[in-house]
Amino acid sequence: MTLRVADTLEVRRWILGFGSEAEVLEPAALREALRRDAEVLAKRLAPRRVPPAPMSLPEGRALLRRAVKPHASR
Protein backbone atom coordinates (compact mmCIF):
# COMPACT_ATOMS: atom_id res chain seq x y z
CA MET A 1 0.00 0.00 0.00
CA THR A 2 1.30 3.47 -0.80
CA LEU A 3 0.14 6.58 1.03
CA ARG A 4 1.08 10.22 0.58
CA VAL A 5 0.73 12.19 3.79
CA ALA A 6 1.97 15.51 5.14
CA ASP A 7 2.63 14.14 8.63
CA THR A 8 3.13 10.55 9.75
CA LEU A 9 1.61 10.83 13.25
CA GLU A 10 -1.88 9.61 12.28
CA VAL A 11 -0.43 6.97 9.94
CA ARG A 12 1.85 5.69 12.71
CA ARG A 13 -1.12 5.40 15.07
CA TRP A 14 -3.10 3.58 12.41
CA ILE A 15 -0.24 1.16 11.73
CA LEU A 16 0.30 0.52 15.46
CA GLY A 17 -3.36 -0.48 15.63
CA PHE A 18 -2.44 -3.61 13.67
CA GLY A 19 0.04 -4.61 16.39
CA SER A 20 2.63 -7.19 15.47
CA GLU A 21 0.79 -8.01 12.23
CA ALA A 22 2.08 -4.82 10.56
CA GLU A 23 5.49 -4.20 9.04
CA VAL A 24 6.63 -0.98 7.40
CA LEU A 25 9.14 -1.66 4.64
CA GLU A 26 9.79 1.92 3.65
CA PRO A 27 10.42 4.75 4.10
CA ALA A 28 13.18 3.90 6.56
CA ALA A 29 12.39 6.97 8.69
CA LEU A 30 8.81 5.76 9.27
CA ARG A 31 10.05 2.25 10.03
CA GLU A 32 12.53 3.66 12.58
CA ALA A 33 9.89 5.91 14.17
CA LEU A 34 7.61 2.90 14.65
CA ARG A 35 10.49 0.86 16.08
CA ARG A 36 11.14 3.61 18.65
CA ASP A 37 7.42 3.83 19.50
CA ALA A 38 7.29 0.07 20.01
CA GLU A 39 10.39 0.14 22.20
CA VAL A 40 8.90 2.83 24.46
CA LEU A 41 5.63 0.88 24.69
CA ALA A 42 7.45 -2.34 25.57
CA LYS A 43 9.29 -0.57 28.39
CA ARG A 44 6.03 0.88 29.74
CA LEU A 45 4.33 -2.51 29.70
CA ALA A 46 7.26 -4.47 31.17
CA PRO A 47 6.68 -5.81 34.67
CA ARG A 48 8.19 -3.60 37.32
CA ARG A 49 10.20 -5.19 40.08
CA VAL A 50 9.99 -3.21 43.25
CA PRO A 51 12.62 -4.14 45.83
CA PRO A 52 11.17 -4.90 49.26
CA ALA A 53 11.43 -2.13 51.80
CA PRO A 54 14.20 -2.70 54.32
CA MET A 55 13.01 -3.94 57.69
CA SER A 56 14.03 -2.05 60.77
CA LEU A 57 15.14 -4.38 63.54
CA PRO A 58 16.13 -3.55 67.09
CA GLU A 59 19.84 -2.90 67.63
CA GLY A 60 21.92 -6.06 67.63
CA ARG A 61 19.27 -8.31 66.03
CA ALA A 62 19.51 -9.92 62.62
CA LEU A 63 16.84 -11.41 60.41
CA LEU A 64 17.69 -14.93 59.28
CA ARG A 65 15.77 -17.19 56.96
CA ARG A 66 16.06 -20.90 57.23
CA ALA A 67 15.45 -23.11 54.23
CA VAL A 68 12.67 -25.55 55.03
CA LYS A 69 12.63 -28.82 53.15
CA PRO A 70 9.21 -30.31 52.47
CA HIS A 71 8.47 -33.58 54.29
CA ALA A 72 8.72 -36.66 52.14
CA SER A 73 5.41 -38.47 51.65
CA ARG A 74 5.14 -41.82 53.32
PDB file of N, CA and C in Angstrom:
ATOM      1  N   MET A   1       0.846  -1.157   0.000  1.00  0.00           N
ATOM      2  CA  MET A   1       0.000   0.000   0.000  1.00  0.00           C
ATOM      3  C   MET A   1       0.899   1.230   0.000  1.00  0.00           C
ATOM      4  N   THR A   2       0.553   2.217  -0.745  1.00  0.00           N
ATOM      5  CA  THR A   2       1.297   3.471  -0.796  1.00  0.00           C
ATOM      6  C   THR A   2       0.387   4.606  -0.366  1.00  0.00           C
ATOM      7  N   LEU A   3       0.898   5.427   0.554  1.00  0.00           N
ATOM      8  CA  LEU A   3       0.137   6.582   1.033  1.00  0.00           C
ATOM      9  C   LEU A   3       1.004   7.820   0.919  1.00  0.00           C
ATOM     10  N   ARG A   4       0.388   8.930   0.566  1.00  0.00           N
ATOM     11  CA  ARG A   4       1.078  10.221   0.575  1.00  0.00           C
ATOM     12  C   ARG A   4       0.429  11.055   1.666  1.00  0.00           C
ATOM     13  N   VAL A   5       1.252  11.420   2.651  1.00  0.00           N
ATOM     14  CA  VAL A   5       0.734  12.186   3.786  1.00  0.00           C
ATOM     15  C   VAL A   5       1.686  13.329   4.119  1.00  0.00           C
ATOM     16  N   ALA A   6       1.144  14.370   4.740  1.00  0.00           N
ATOM     17  CA  ALA A   6       1.973  15.508   5.137  1.00  0.00           C
ATOM     18  C   ALA A   6       2.701  15.204   6.440  1.00  0.00           C
ATOM     19  N   ASP A   7       2.041  14.474   7.342  1.00  0.00           N
ATOM     20  CA  ASP A   7       2.629  14.141   8.629  1.00  0.00           C
ATOM     21  C   ASP A   7       2.354  12.670   8.914  1.00  0.00           C
ATOM     22  N   THR A   8       3.290  11.993   9.545  1.00  0.00           N
ATOM     23  CA  THR A   8       3.128  10.552   9.752  1.00  0.00           C
ATOM     24  C   THR A   8       2.473  10.183  11.079  1.00  0.00           C
ATOM     25  N   LEU A   9       2.150  11.147  11.935  1.00  0.00           N
ATOM     26  CA  LEU A   9       1.606  10.828  13.249  1.00  0.00           C
ATOM     27  C   LEU A   9       0.346   9.956  13.158  1.00  0.00           C
ATOM     28  N   GLU A  10      -0.636  10.389  12.390  1.00  0.00           N
ATOM     29  CA  GLU A  10      -1.879   9.611  12.276  1.00  0.00           C
ATOM     30  C   GLU A  10      -1.634   8.262  11.604  1.00  0.00           C
ATOM     31  N   VAL A  11      -0.744   8.237  10.628  1.00  0.00           N
ATOM     32  CA  VAL A  11      -0.435   6.973   9.941  1.00  0.00           C
ATOM     33  C   VAL A  11       0.251   6.018  10.912  1.00  0.00           C
ATOM     34  N   ARG A  12       1.171   6.545  11.730  1.00  0.00           N
ATOM     35  CA  ARG A  12       1.853   5.694  12.713  1.00  0.00           C
ATOM     36  C   ARG A  12       0.847   5.105  13.690  1.00  0.00           C
ATOM     37  N   ARG A  13      -0.089   5.907  14.139  1.00  0.00           N
ATOM     38  CA  ARG A  13      -1.120   5.402  15.067  1.00  0.00           C
ATOM     39  C   ARG A  13      -1.966   4.322  14.394  1.00  0.00           C
ATOM     40  N   TRP A  14      -2.299   4.552  13.150  1.00  0.00           N
ATOM     41  CA  TRP A  14      -3.104   3.579  12.405  1.00  0.00           C
ATOM     42  C   TRP A  14      -2.344   2.265  12.255  1.00  0.00           C
ATOM     43  N   ILE A  15      -1.067   2.360  11.900  1.00  0.00           N
ATOM     44  CA  ILE A  15      -0.243   1.156  11.726  1.00  0.00           C
ATOM     45  C   ILE A  15      -0.092   0.424  13.059  1.00  0.00           C
ATOM     46  N   LEU A  16       0.158   1.153  14.149  1.00  0.00           N
ATOM     47  CA  LEU A  16       0.304   0.522  15.459  1.00  0.00           C
ATOM     48  C   LEU A  16      -0.967  -0.215  15.877  1.00  0.00           C
ATOM     49  N   GLY A  17      -2.098   0.199  15.347  1.00  0.00           N
ATOM     50  CA  GLY A  17      -3.356  -0.479  15.627  1.00  0.00           C
ATOM     51  C   GLY A  17      -3.381  -1.920  15.135  1.00  0.00           C
ATOM     52  N   PHE A  18      -2.525  -2.246  14.180  1.00  0.00           N
ATOM     53  CA  PHE A  18      -2.441  -3.609  13.671  1.00  0.00           C
ATOM     54  C   PHE A  18      -1.511  -4.481  14.514  1.00  0.00           C
ATOM     55  N   GLY A  19      -0.841  -3.856  15.495  1.00  0.00           N
ATOM     56  CA  GLY A  19       0.036  -4.614  16.391  1.00  0.00           C
ATOM     57  C   GLY A  19       1.172  -5.273  15.641  1.00  0.00           C
ATOM     58  N   SER A  20       1.493  -6.477  16.060  1.00  0.00           N
ATOM     59  CA  SER A  20       2.631  -7.194  15.468  1.00  0.00           C
ATOM     60  C   SER A  20       2.347  -7.729  14.066  1.00  0.00           C
ATOM     61  N   GLU A  21       1.140  -7.550  13.576  1.00  0.00           N
ATOM     62  CA  GLU A  21       0.792  -8.010  12.229  1.00  0.00           C
ATOM     63  C   GLU A  21       1.269  -7.051  11.143  1.00  0.00           C
ATOM     64  N   ALA A  22       1.676  -5.832  11.538  1.00  0.00           N
ATOM     65  CA  ALA A  22       2.084  -4.822  10.557  1.00  0.00           C
ATOM     66  C   ALA A  22       3.597  -4.747  10.460  1.00  0.00           C
ATOM     67  N   GLU A  23       4.066  -4.447   9.258  1.00  0.00           N
ATOM     68  CA  GLU A  23       5.489  -4.203   9.043  1.00  0.00           C
ATOM     69  C   GLU A  23       5.629  -3.106   7.995  1.00  0.00           C
ATOM     70  N   VAL A  24       6.370  -2.071   8.340  1.00  0.00           N
ATOM     71  CA  VAL A  24       6.633  -0.984   7.398  1.00  0.00           C
ATOM     72  C   VAL A  24       7.948  -1.309   6.706  1.00  0.00           C
ATOM     73  N   LEU A  25       7.926  -1.365   5.394  1.00  0.00           N
ATOM     74  CA  LEU A  25       9.139  -1.657   4.637  1.00  0.00           C
ATOM     75  C   LEU A  25       9.902  -0.394   4.295  1.00  0.00           C
ATOM     76  N   GLU A  26       9.179   0.631   3.929  1.00  0.00           N
ATOM     77  CA  GLU A  26       9.795   1.916   3.647  1.00  0.00           C
ATOM     78  C   GLU A  26       8.740   2.995   3.753  1.00  0.00           C
ATOM     79  N   PRO A  27       9.074   4.197   3.997  1.00  0.00           N
ATOM     80  CA  PRO A  27      10.418   4.750   4.099  1.00  0.00           C
ATOM     81  C   PRO A  27      11.090   4.337   5.415  1.00  0.00           C
ATOM     82  N   ALA A  28      12.405   4.331   5.395  1.00  0.00           N
ATOM     83  CA  ALA A  28      13.185   3.905   6.557  1.00  0.00           C
ATOM     84  C   ALA A  28      12.901   4.783   7.774  1.00  0.00           C
ATOM     85  N   ALA A  29      12.661   6.064   7.567  1.00  0.00           N
ATOM     86  CA  ALA A  29      12.389   6.969   8.693  1.00  0.00           C
ATOM     87  C   ALA A  29      11.097   6.583   9.408  1.00  0.00           C
ATOM     88  N   LEU A  30      10.076   6.189   8.658  1.00  0.00           N
ATOM     89  CA  LEU A  30       8.815   5.759   9.265  1.00  0.00           C
ATOM     90  C   LEU A  30       9.020   4.438  10.005  1.00  0.00           C
ATOM     91  N   ARG A  31       9.746   3.535   9.400  1.00  0.00           N
ATOM     92  CA  ARG A  31      10.046   2.249  10.034  1.00  0.00           C
ATOM     93  C   ARG A  31      10.777   2.476  11.359  1.00  0.00           C
ATOM     94  N   GLU A  32      11.764   3.368  11.366  1.00  0.00           N
ATOM     95  CA  GLU A  32      12.533   3.664  12.575  1.00  0.00           C
ATOM     96  C   GLU A  32      11.658   4.339  13.633  1.00  0.00           C
ATOM     97  N   ALA A  33      10.790   5.237  13.222  1.00  0.00           N
ATOM     98  CA  ALA A  33       9.892   5.906  14.169  1.00  0.00           C
ATOM     99  C   ALA A  33       8.974   4.889  14.846  1.00  0.00           C
ATOM    100  N   LEU A  34       8.474   3.934  14.080  1.00  0.00           N
ATOM    101  CA  LEU A  34       7.608   2.900  14.653  1.00  0.00           C
ATOM    102  C   LEU A  34       8.403   1.976  15.574  1.00  0.00           C
ATOM    103  N   ARG A  35       9.652   1.697  15.225  1.00  0.00           N
ATOM    104  CA  ARG A  35      10.488   0.863  16.079  1.00  0.00           C
ATOM    105  C   ARG A  35      10.698   1.547  17.436  1.00  0.00           C
ATOM    106  N   ARG A  36      10.953   2.858  17.404  1.00  0.00           N
ATOM    107  CA  ARG A  36      11.139   3.611  18.652  1.00  0.00           C
ATOM    108  C   ARG A  36       9.850   3.636  19.472  1.00  0.00           C
ATOM    109  N   ASP A  37       8.719   3.844  18.804  1.00  0.00           N
ATOM    110  CA  ASP A  37       7.422   3.835  19.497  1.00  0.00           C
ATOM    111  C   ASP A  37       7.183   2.482  20.179  1.00  0.00           C
ATOM    112  N   ALA A  38       7.489   1.410  19.468  1.00  0.00           N
ATOM    113  CA  ALA A  38       7.286   0.065  20.014  1.00  0.00           C
ATOM    114  C   ALA A  38       8.225  -0.190  21.186  1.00  0.00           C
ATOM    115  N   GLU A  39       9.426   0.310  21.117  1.00  0.00           N
ATOM    116  CA  GLU A  39      10.390   0.144  22.204  1.00  0.00           C
ATOM    117  C   GLU A  39       9.909   0.861  23.473  1.00  0.00           C
ATOM    118  N   VAL A  40       9.420   2.077  23.314  1.00  0.00           N
ATOM    119  CA  VAL A  40       8.897   2.834  24.461  1.00  0.00           C
ATOM    120  C   VAL A  40       7.693   2.096  25.059  1.00  0.00           C
ATOM    121  N   LEU A  41       6.812   1.602  24.214  1.00  0.00           N
ATOM    122  CA  LEU A  41       5.634   0.885  24.686  1.00  0.00           C
ATOM    123  C   LEU A  41       6.034  -0.379  25.436  1.00  0.00           C
ATOM    124  N   ALA A  42       7.002  -1.114  24.909  1.00  0.00           N
ATOM    125  CA  ALA A  42       7.453  -2.340  25.573  1.00  0.00           C
ATOM    126  C   ALA A  42       8.011  -2.034  26.958  1.00  0.00           C
ATOM    127  N   LYS A  43       8.747  -0.946  27.087  1.00  0.00           N
ATOM    128  CA  LYS A  43       9.293  -0.570  28.395  1.00  0.00           C
ATOM    129  C   LYS A  43       8.171  -0.199  29.361  1.00  0.00           C
ATOM    130  N   ARG A  44       7.158   0.495  28.873  1.00  0.00           N
ATOM    131  CA  ARG A  44       6.033   0.880  29.737  1.00  0.00           C
ATOM    132  C   ARG A  44       5.238  -0.324  30.207  1.00  0.00           C
ATOM    133  N   LEU A  45       5.138  -1.336  29.369  1.00  0.00           N
ATOM    134  CA  LEU A  45       4.334  -2.506  29.703  1.00  0.00           C
ATOM    135  C   LEU A  45       5.117  -3.597  30.416  1.00  0.00           C
ATOM    136  N   ALA A  46       6.431  -3.461  30.505  1.00  0.00           N
ATOM    137  CA  ALA A  46       7.255  -4.469  31.166  1.00  0.00           C
ATOM    138  C   ALA A  46       6.915  -4.515  32.651  1.00  0.00           C
ATOM    139  N   PRO A  47       6.949  -5.722  33.232  1.00  0.00           N
ATOM    140  CA  PRO A  47       6.681  -5.805  34.670  1.00  0.00           C
ATOM    141  C   PRO A  47       7.731  -5.025  35.451  1.00  0.00           C
ATOM    142  N   ARG A  48       7.281  -4.383  36.485  1.00  0.00           N
ATOM    143  CA  ARG A  48       8.193  -3.602  37.322  1.00  0.00           C
ATOM    144  C   ARG A  48       8.511  -4.387  38.576  1.00  0.00           C
ATOM    145  N   ARG A  49       9.775  -4.527  38.850  1.00  0.00           N
ATOM    146  CA  ARG A  49      10.199  -5.190  40.077  1.00  0.00           C
ATOM    147  C   ARG A  49      10.503  -4.114  41.103  1.00  0.00           C
ATOM    148  N   VAL A  50       9.786  -4.167  42.188  1.00  0.00           N
ATOM    149  CA  VAL A  50       9.990  -3.207  43.253  1.00  0.00           C
ATOM    150  C   VAL A  50      10.720  -3.927  44.381  1.00  0.00           C
ATOM    151  N   PRO A  51      11.907  -3.465  44.745  1.00  0.00           N
ATOM    152  CA  PRO A  51      12.618  -4.144  45.833  1.00  0.00           C
ATOM    153  C   PRO A  51      11.860  -3.984  47.146  1.00  0.00           C
ATOM    154  N   PRO A  52      11.888  -5.013  47.986  1.00  0.00           N
ATOM    155  CA  PRO A  52      11.172  -4.903  49.255  1.00  0.00           C
ATOM    156  C   PRO A  52      11.792  -3.814  50.119  1.00  0.00           C
ATOM    157  N   ALA A  53      10.951  -3.183  50.901  1.00  0.00           N
ATOM    158  CA  ALA A  53      11.430  -2.131  51.804  1.00  0.00           C
ATOM    159  C   ALA A  53      12.284  -2.774  52.893  1.00  0.00           C
ATOM    160  N   PRO A  54      13.357  -2.121  53.271  1.00  0.00           N
ATOM    161  CA  PRO A  54      14.202  -2.700  54.321  1.00  0.00           C
ATOM    162  C   PRO A  54      13.444  -2.732  55.651  1.00  0.00           C
ATOM    163  N   MET A  55      13.659  -3.806  56.388  1.00  0.00           N
ATOM    164  CA  MET A  55      13.011  -3.943  57.692  1.00  0.00           C
ATOM    165  C   MET A  55      13.883  -3.283  58.739  1.00  0.00           C
ATOM    166  N   SER A  56      13.248  -2.622  59.663  1.00  0.00           N
ATOM    167  CA  SER A  56      14.033  -2.053  60.769  1.00  0.00           C
ATOM    168  C   SER A  56      13.926  -3.014  61.943  1.00  0.00           C
ATOM    169  N   LEU A  57      15.074  -3.443  62.423  1.00  0.00           N
ATOM    170  CA  LEU A  57      15.139  -4.382  63.541  1.00  0.00           C
ATOM    171  C   LEU A  57      15.795  -3.683  64.731  1.00  0.00           C
ATOM    172  N   PRO A  58      15.472  -4.125  65.922  1.00  0.00           N
ATOM    173  CA  PRO A  58      16.130  -3.546  67.088  1.00  0.00           C
ATOM    174  C   PRO A  58      17.645  -3.729  66.998  1.00  0.00           C
ATOM    175  N   GLU A  59      18.375  -2.858  67.625  1.00  0.00           N
ATOM    176  CA  GLU A  59      19.837  -2.896  67.627  1.00  0.00           C
ATOM    177  C   GLU A  59      20.345  -4.275  68.025  1.00  0.00           C
ATOM    178  N   GLY A  60      21.291  -4.790  67.282  1.00  0.00           N
ATOM    179  CA  GLY A  60      21.920  -6.060  67.627  1.00  0.00           C
ATOM    180  C   GLY A  60      21.145  -7.292  67.191  1.00  0.00           C
ATOM    181  N   ARG A  61      20.047  -7.152  66.488  1.00  0.00           N
ATOM    182  CA  ARG A  61      19.269  -8.312  66.029  1.00  0.00           C
ATOM    183  C   ARG A  61      19.418  -8.452  64.528  1.00  0.00           C
ATOM    184  N   ALA A  62      19.392  -9.651  64.046  1.00  0.00           N
ATOM    185  CA  ALA A  62      19.508  -9.924  62.619  1.00  0.00           C
ATOM    186  C   ALA A  62      18.329 -10.788  62.194  1.00  0.00           C
ATOM    187  N   LEU A  63      17.921 -10.608  60.979  1.00  0.00           N
ATOM    188  CA  LEU A  63      16.841 -11.412  60.413  1.00  0.00           C
ATOM    189  C   LEU A  63      17.465 -12.548  59.627  1.00  0.00           C
ATOM    190  N   LEU A  64      17.155 -13.761  59.977  1.00  0.00           N
ATOM    191  CA  LEU A  64      17.690 -14.928  59.283  1.00  0.00           C
ATOM    192  C   LEU A  64      16.541 -15.729  58.717  1.00  0.00           C
ATOM    193  N   ARG A  65      16.762 -16.285  57.552  1.00  0.00           N
ATOM    194  CA  ARG A  65      15.772 -17.186  56.956  1.00  0.00           C
ATOM    195  C   ARG A  65      16.379 -18.561  56.901  1.00  0.00           C
ATOM    196  N   ARG A  66      15.591 -19.532  57.250  1.00  0.00           N
ATOM    197  CA  ARG A  66      16.060 -20.897  57.226  1.00  0.00           C
ATOM    198  C   ARG A  66      15.324 -21.629  56.109  1.00  0.00           C
ATOM    199  N   ALA A  67      16.075 -22.331  55.287  1.00  0.00           N
ATOM    200  CA  ALA A  67      15.453 -23.105  54.225  1.00  0.00           C
ATOM    201  C   ALA A  67      14.717 -24.280  54.855  1.00  0.00           C
ATOM    202  N   VAL A  68      13.466 -24.458  54.500  1.00  0.00           N
ATOM    203  CA  VAL A  68      12.673 -25.545  55.031  1.00  0.00           C
ATOM    204  C   VAL A  68      12.424 -26.538  53.919  1.00  0.00           C
ATOM    205  N   LYS A  69      12.846 -27.770  54.153  1.00  0.00           N
ATOM    206  CA  LYS A  69      12.630 -28.817  53.146  1.00  0.00           C
ATOM    207  C   LYS A  69      11.263 -29.436  53.373  1.00  0.00           C
ATOM    208  N   PRO A  70      10.513 -29.675  52.296  1.00  0.00           N
ATOM    209  CA  PRO A  70       9.207 -30.313  52.468  1.00  0.00           C
ATOM    210  C   PRO A  70       9.373 -31.746  52.964  1.00  0.00           C
ATOM    211  N   HIS A  71       8.432 -32.203  53.779  1.00  0.00           N
ATOM    212  CA  HIS A  71       8.475 -33.577  54.294  1.00  0.00           C
ATOM    213  C   HIS A  71       8.195 -34.549  53.160  1.00  0.00           C
ATOM    214  N   ALA A  72       8.937 -35.617  53.150  1.00  0.00           N
ATOM    215  CA  ALA A  72       8.723 -36.660  52.141  1.00  0.00           C
ATOM    216  C   ALA A  72       7.428 -37.399  52.453  1.00  0.00           C
ATOM    217  N   SER A  73       6.649 -37.723  51.426  1.00  0.00           N
ATOM    218  CA  SER A  73       5.413 -38.466  51.652  1.00  0.00           C
ATOM    219  C   SER A  73       5.741 -39.908  52.018  1.00  0.00           C
ATOM    220  N   ARG A  74       4.917 -40.421  52.876  1.00  0.00           N
ATOM    221  CA  ARG A  74       5.142 -41.816  53.323  1.00  0.00           C
ATOM    222  C   ARG A  74       4.307 -42.763  52.555  1.00  0.00           C
TER     223      ARG A  74
END
